[in-house]
N, C-alpha and C. Protein backbone atom coordinates (compact mmCIF):
# COMPACT_ATOMS: atom_id res chain seq x y z
N MET A 1 64.32 87.13 97.51
CA MET A 1 65.04 88.27 98.03
C MET A 1 66.19 87.84 98.94
N LYS A 2 65.94 86.83 99.75
CA LYS A 2 66.97 86.35 100.65
C LYS A 2 68.17 85.79 99.87
N VAL A 3 67.91 85.13 98.75
CA VAL A 3 68.98 84.59 97.92
C VAL A 3 69.88 85.72 97.43
N LYS A 4 69.31 86.83 97.00
CA LYS A 4 70.11 87.97 96.53
C LYS A 4 71.00 88.50 97.65
N GLN A 5 70.48 88.57 98.88
CA GLN A 5 71.28 89.04 100.01
C GLN A 5 72.45 88.10 100.26
N ILE A 6 72.21 86.80 100.19
CA ILE A 6 73.28 85.84 100.41
C ILE A 6 74.31 85.96 99.30
N GLU A 7 73.87 86.09 98.04
CA GLU A 7 74.80 86.24 96.93
C GLU A 7 75.65 87.49 97.11
N ARG A 8 75.00 88.59 97.50
CA ARG A 8 75.73 89.83 97.71
C ARG A 8 76.74 89.66 98.83
N SER A 9 76.34 88.98 99.89
CA SER A 9 77.23 88.74 101.02
C SER A 9 78.43 87.89 100.59
N VAL A 10 78.17 86.83 99.84
CA VAL A 10 79.25 85.98 99.34
C VAL A 10 80.17 86.79 98.44
N ASP A 11 79.60 87.56 97.53
CA ASP A 11 80.41 88.39 96.64
C ASP A 11 81.26 89.38 97.43
N THR A 12 80.66 90.02 98.41
CA THR A 12 81.39 90.98 99.25
C THR A 12 82.55 90.30 99.96
N HIS A 13 82.28 89.16 100.55
CA HIS A 13 83.32 88.44 101.28
C HIS A 13 84.43 87.95 100.33
N LEU A 14 84.04 87.46 99.17
CA LEU A 14 85.05 86.99 98.23
C LEU A 14 85.91 88.14 97.73
N ARG A 15 85.30 89.32 97.53
CA ARG A 15 86.10 90.49 97.14
C ARG A 15 87.10 90.84 98.24
N LEU A 16 86.67 90.75 99.49
CA LEU A 16 87.60 91.02 100.60
C LEU A 16 88.77 90.04 100.59
N LEU A 17 88.47 88.79 100.30
CA LEU A 17 89.49 87.76 100.34
C LEU A 17 90.27 87.62 99.04
N SER A 18 89.91 88.41 98.03
CA SER A 18 90.55 88.27 96.72
C SER A 18 91.97 88.81 96.70
N ASN A 19 92.35 89.55 97.72
CA ASN A 19 93.68 90.15 97.75
C ASN A 19 94.51 89.47 98.84
N ARG A 20 95.67 88.98 98.45
CA ARG A 20 96.53 88.27 99.40
C ARG A 20 96.93 89.14 100.58
N ARG A 21 97.23 90.40 100.35
CA ARG A 21 97.63 91.28 101.46
C ARG A 21 96.49 91.42 102.47
N ARG A 22 95.25 91.50 101.98
CA ARG A 22 94.11 91.57 102.91
C ARG A 22 93.97 90.26 103.68
N ARG A 23 94.23 89.14 103.00
CA ARG A 23 94.16 87.86 103.70
C ARG A 23 95.22 87.78 104.79
N TYR A 24 96.42 88.23 104.48
CA TYR A 24 97.48 88.26 105.50
C TYR A 24 97.08 89.19 106.65
N ALA A 25 96.52 90.35 106.31
CA ALA A 25 96.11 91.30 107.35
C ALA A 25 95.03 90.69 108.23
N LEU A 26 94.07 90.03 107.62
CA LEU A 26 93.00 89.40 108.40
C LEU A 26 93.56 88.32 109.32
N ALA A 27 94.48 87.52 108.81
CA ALA A 27 95.10 86.47 109.63
C ALA A 27 95.85 87.09 110.80
N CYS A 28 96.57 88.18 110.55
CA CYS A 28 97.31 88.86 111.63
C CYS A 28 96.36 89.47 112.65
N LEU A 29 95.29 90.07 112.18
CA LEU A 29 94.31 90.65 113.10
C LEU A 29 93.71 89.58 113.99
N GLN A 30 93.42 88.43 113.42
CA GLN A 30 92.87 87.34 114.21
C GLN A 30 93.91 86.79 115.19
N GLU A 31 95.15 86.75 114.77
CA GLU A 31 96.22 86.21 115.61
C GLU A 31 96.63 87.17 116.72
N TYR A 32 96.76 88.45 116.41
CA TYR A 32 97.30 89.42 117.36
C TYR A 32 96.24 90.35 117.96
N GLY A 33 94.99 90.22 117.52
CA GLY A 33 93.92 91.11 117.98
C GLY A 33 93.57 90.88 119.42
N PRO A 34 92.61 91.61 119.93
CA PRO A 34 91.63 92.33 119.14
C PRO A 34 92.12 93.68 118.61
N SER A 35 93.18 94.25 119.17
CA SER A 35 93.68 95.54 118.68
C SER A 35 95.16 95.42 118.35
N ILE A 36 95.54 96.15 117.30
CA ILE A 36 96.96 96.19 116.92
C ILE A 36 97.22 97.53 116.24
N ALA A 37 98.36 98.10 116.52
CA ALA A 37 98.75 99.35 115.85
C ALA A 37 98.93 99.05 114.36
N LEU A 38 98.51 99.99 113.53
CA LEU A 38 98.61 99.79 112.09
C LEU A 38 100.06 99.54 111.67
N ALA A 39 101.01 100.22 112.29
CA ALA A 39 102.42 100.00 111.96
C ALA A 39 102.85 98.57 112.29
N ASP A 40 102.37 98.03 113.40
CA ASP A 40 102.69 96.65 113.77
C ASP A 40 102.02 95.67 112.81
N LEU A 41 100.80 95.99 112.41
CA LEU A 41 100.11 95.15 111.43
C LEU A 41 100.88 95.13 110.12
N ALA A 42 101.37 96.29 109.69
CA ALA A 42 102.16 96.37 108.46
C ALA A 42 103.43 95.53 108.59
N ASP A 43 104.08 95.59 109.74
CA ASP A 43 105.28 94.76 109.96
C ASP A 43 104.95 93.28 109.80
N GLU A 44 103.88 92.85 110.45
CA GLU A 44 103.51 91.44 110.41
C GLU A 44 103.11 90.98 109.00
N VAL A 45 102.39 91.83 108.29
CA VAL A 45 102.01 91.50 106.92
C VAL A 45 103.26 91.42 106.04
N ALA A 46 104.18 92.36 106.21
CA ALA A 46 105.41 92.34 105.41
C ALA A 46 106.22 91.07 105.67
N VAL A 47 106.28 90.65 106.92
CA VAL A 47 106.99 89.42 107.26
C VAL A 47 106.38 88.23 106.53
N ARG A 48 105.05 88.18 106.49
CA ARG A 48 104.37 87.08 105.80
C ARG A 48 104.58 87.16 104.28
N GLU A 49 104.50 88.37 103.74
CA GLU A 49 104.66 88.52 102.29
C GLU A 49 106.06 88.14 101.83
N HIS A 50 107.05 88.52 102.62
CA HIS A 50 108.45 88.29 102.21
C HIS A 50 109.01 86.99 102.76
N ASP A 51 108.24 86.36 103.65
CA ASP A 51 108.70 85.13 104.29
C ASP A 51 110.11 85.31 104.83
N ALA A 52 110.29 86.41 105.56
CA ALA A 52 111.60 86.76 106.11
C ALA A 52 111.40 87.51 107.42
N PRO A 53 112.41 87.50 108.28
CA PRO A 53 112.30 88.30 109.51
C PRO A 53 112.29 89.79 109.17
N LEU A 54 111.64 90.56 110.01
CA LEU A 54 111.47 91.99 109.75
C LEU A 54 112.80 92.71 109.46
N PRO A 55 113.88 92.46 110.23
CA PRO A 55 115.13 93.19 109.94
C PRO A 55 115.69 92.92 108.53
N ALA A 56 115.28 91.82 107.92
CA ALA A 56 115.79 91.49 106.58
C ALA A 56 114.97 92.13 105.46
N ILE A 57 113.87 92.81 105.83
CA ILE A 57 112.98 93.40 104.82
C ILE A 57 113.29 94.88 104.68
N ASP A 58 113.43 95.33 103.44
CA ASP A 58 113.70 96.74 103.17
C ASP A 58 112.61 97.63 103.77
N GLU A 59 113.02 98.72 104.39
CA GLU A 59 112.06 99.64 105.04
C GLU A 59 111.03 100.18 104.06
N ARG A 60 111.43 100.39 102.82
CA ARG A 60 110.49 100.89 101.81
C ARG A 60 109.39 99.88 101.53
N ALA A 61 109.73 98.60 101.59
CA ALA A 61 108.73 97.56 101.36
C ALA A 61 107.71 97.56 102.50
N VAL A 62 108.19 97.75 103.72
CA VAL A 62 107.29 97.80 104.87
C VAL A 62 106.42 99.05 104.79
N LEU A 63 107.00 100.16 104.38
CA LEU A 63 106.24 101.40 104.22
C LEU A 63 105.17 101.23 103.15
N ASP A 64 105.49 100.53 102.08
CA ASP A 64 104.50 100.26 101.03
C ASP A 64 103.32 99.46 101.60
N VAL A 65 103.62 98.47 102.43
CA VAL A 65 102.56 97.68 103.06
C VAL A 65 101.71 98.58 103.94
N TYR A 66 102.37 99.41 104.75
CA TYR A 66 101.65 100.32 105.65
C TYR A 66 100.71 101.23 104.85
N MET A 67 101.24 101.84 103.80
CA MET A 67 100.44 102.78 103.03
C MET A 67 99.25 102.09 102.35
N SER A 68 99.46 100.90 101.84
CA SER A 68 98.35 100.21 101.19
C SER A 68 97.30 99.77 102.21
N LEU A 69 97.75 99.37 103.40
CA LEU A 69 96.79 99.03 104.45
C LEU A 69 95.98 100.27 104.82
N TYR A 70 96.68 101.38 105.01
CA TYR A 70 96.03 102.63 105.43
C TYR A 70 95.04 103.14 104.39
N HIS A 71 95.46 103.16 103.13
CA HIS A 71 94.64 103.78 102.09
C HIS A 71 93.62 102.84 101.44
N SER A 72 93.88 101.55 101.46
CA SER A 72 93.03 100.65 100.71
C SER A 72 92.41 99.53 101.54
N HIS A 73 93.24 98.74 102.16
CA HIS A 73 92.76 97.49 102.75
C HIS A 73 91.98 97.67 104.05
N VAL A 74 92.51 98.47 104.96
CA VAL A 74 91.77 98.70 106.21
C VAL A 74 90.43 99.38 105.94
N PRO A 75 90.36 100.39 105.06
CA PRO A 75 89.04 100.97 104.75
C PRO A 75 88.04 99.95 104.21
N LYS A 76 88.51 98.98 103.44
CA LYS A 76 87.60 97.94 102.95
C LYS A 76 87.07 97.09 104.10
N PHE A 77 87.93 96.77 105.06
CA PHE A 77 87.49 96.04 106.25
C PHE A 77 86.52 96.88 107.08
N VAL A 78 86.80 98.18 107.19
CA VAL A 78 85.90 99.08 107.93
C VAL A 78 84.54 99.12 107.25
N ASP A 79 84.52 99.29 105.94
CA ASP A 79 83.26 99.34 105.20
C ASP A 79 82.45 98.05 105.36
N ALA A 80 83.14 96.93 105.51
CA ALA A 80 82.46 95.64 105.67
C ALA A 80 82.06 95.40 107.12
N GLY A 81 82.45 96.31 108.04
CA GLY A 81 82.09 96.16 109.44
C GLY A 81 82.92 95.15 110.20
N ILE A 82 84.07 94.81 109.67
CA ILE A 82 84.92 93.80 110.30
C ILE A 82 85.91 94.43 111.29
N VAL A 83 86.40 95.61 110.96
CA VAL A 83 87.33 96.30 111.86
C VAL A 83 86.87 97.73 112.11
N GLU A 84 87.42 98.27 113.15
CA GLU A 84 87.27 99.68 113.48
C GLU A 84 88.67 100.27 113.43
N TYR A 85 88.81 101.46 112.89
CA TYR A 85 90.13 102.09 112.82
C TYR A 85 90.08 103.40 113.56
N ASP A 86 90.96 103.56 114.55
CA ASP A 86 91.10 104.79 115.31
C ASP A 86 92.31 105.53 114.74
N GLN A 87 92.03 106.51 113.88
CA GLN A 87 93.11 107.21 113.20
C GLN A 87 94.00 107.98 114.17
N GLU A 88 93.41 108.54 115.20
CA GLU A 88 94.18 109.31 116.18
C GLU A 88 95.24 108.44 116.86
N ARG A 89 94.88 107.22 117.16
CA ARG A 89 95.80 106.31 117.83
C ARG A 89 96.48 105.35 116.85
N ASP A 90 96.08 105.43 115.56
CA ASP A 90 96.60 104.56 114.51
C ASP A 90 96.44 103.09 114.90
N LEU A 91 95.24 102.78 115.40
CA LEU A 91 94.96 101.47 115.96
C LEU A 91 93.83 100.78 115.20
N VAL A 92 94.06 99.54 114.83
CA VAL A 92 93.05 98.73 114.14
C VAL A 92 92.51 97.74 115.17
N ARG A 93 91.18 97.68 115.25
CA ARG A 93 90.53 96.76 116.20
C ARG A 93 89.57 95.88 115.42
N ILE A 94 89.77 94.58 115.54
CA ILE A 94 88.89 93.65 114.85
C ILE A 94 87.58 93.57 115.63
N GLU A 95 86.48 93.71 114.91
CA GLU A 95 85.15 93.73 115.52
C GLU A 95 84.54 92.34 115.54
N GLY A 96 84.97 91.51 114.68
CA GLY A 96 84.40 90.17 114.57
C GLY A 96 84.26 89.81 113.11
N VAL A 97 84.51 88.59 112.83
CA VAL A 97 84.45 88.11 111.45
C VAL A 97 83.13 87.36 111.28
N PRO A 98 82.30 87.78 110.33
CA PRO A 98 81.05 87.07 110.10
C PRO A 98 81.32 85.58 109.81
N PRO A 99 80.42 84.71 110.26
CA PRO A 99 80.64 83.27 110.08
C PRO A 99 80.90 82.86 108.63
N LEU A 100 80.17 83.44 107.69
CA LEU A 100 80.39 83.09 106.28
C LEU A 100 81.79 83.48 105.83
N LEU A 101 82.24 84.67 106.21
CA LEU A 101 83.60 85.11 105.85
C LEU A 101 84.63 84.20 106.51
N GLU A 102 84.38 83.81 107.74
CA GLU A 102 85.29 82.92 108.47
C GLU A 102 85.44 81.59 107.72
N ARG A 103 84.33 81.04 107.26
CA ARG A 103 84.38 79.76 106.52
C ARG A 103 85.12 79.93 105.20
N LEU A 104 84.81 80.99 104.47
CA LEU A 104 85.48 81.23 103.19
C LEU A 104 86.97 81.47 103.41
N PHE A 105 87.29 82.20 104.46
CA PHE A 105 88.69 82.50 104.77
C PHE A 105 89.46 81.21 105.07
N GLY A 106 88.83 80.30 105.79
CA GLY A 106 89.47 79.03 106.10
C GLY A 106 89.83 78.25 104.85
N VAL A 107 88.93 78.26 103.87
CA VAL A 107 89.18 77.56 102.61
C VAL A 107 90.30 78.25 101.84
N VAL A 108 90.21 79.56 101.71
CA VAL A 108 91.20 80.32 100.94
C VAL A 108 92.56 80.27 101.62
N GLU A 109 92.59 80.37 102.94
CA GLU A 109 93.85 80.35 103.67
C GLU A 109 94.56 79.02 103.49
N GLN A 110 93.82 77.93 103.50
CA GLN A 110 94.41 76.61 103.26
C GLN A 110 95.03 76.54 101.88
N ASP A 111 94.38 77.14 100.91
CA ASP A 111 94.87 77.13 99.54
C ASP A 111 96.13 77.98 99.38
N ASP A 112 96.30 78.99 100.26
CA ASP A 112 97.47 79.88 100.20
C ASP A 112 98.75 79.19 100.68
N ARG A 113 98.60 78.16 101.48
CA ARG A 113 99.77 77.51 102.05
C ARG A 113 100.50 76.70 100.99
N PRO A 114 101.84 76.71 101.07
CA PRO A 114 102.62 75.95 100.07
C PRO A 114 102.44 74.45 100.22
């Protein structure tokens, strides 16, 4: 039974890390946390995705990042118990990254680097 729980945990964590935008968001949350406004998180993720300063990135691209974080990626983090989202304040707060996810993230993040 314990093996199934570990497998499920690994699968859950790998699904979280399977999307580059979520990996960028997680890195930003760890770097700028424990709390960050969702709009600021979107800015930081857009900068990483485009490898450009924020003023050089089209506003629509940043809005796309914001909307995908709001509708898809942050809810996945919330469901996994990694972040808390205060919709009234539009604030994302990192709750803590489970050790297994932290280890997997370290491996995946290294692989993301050029």
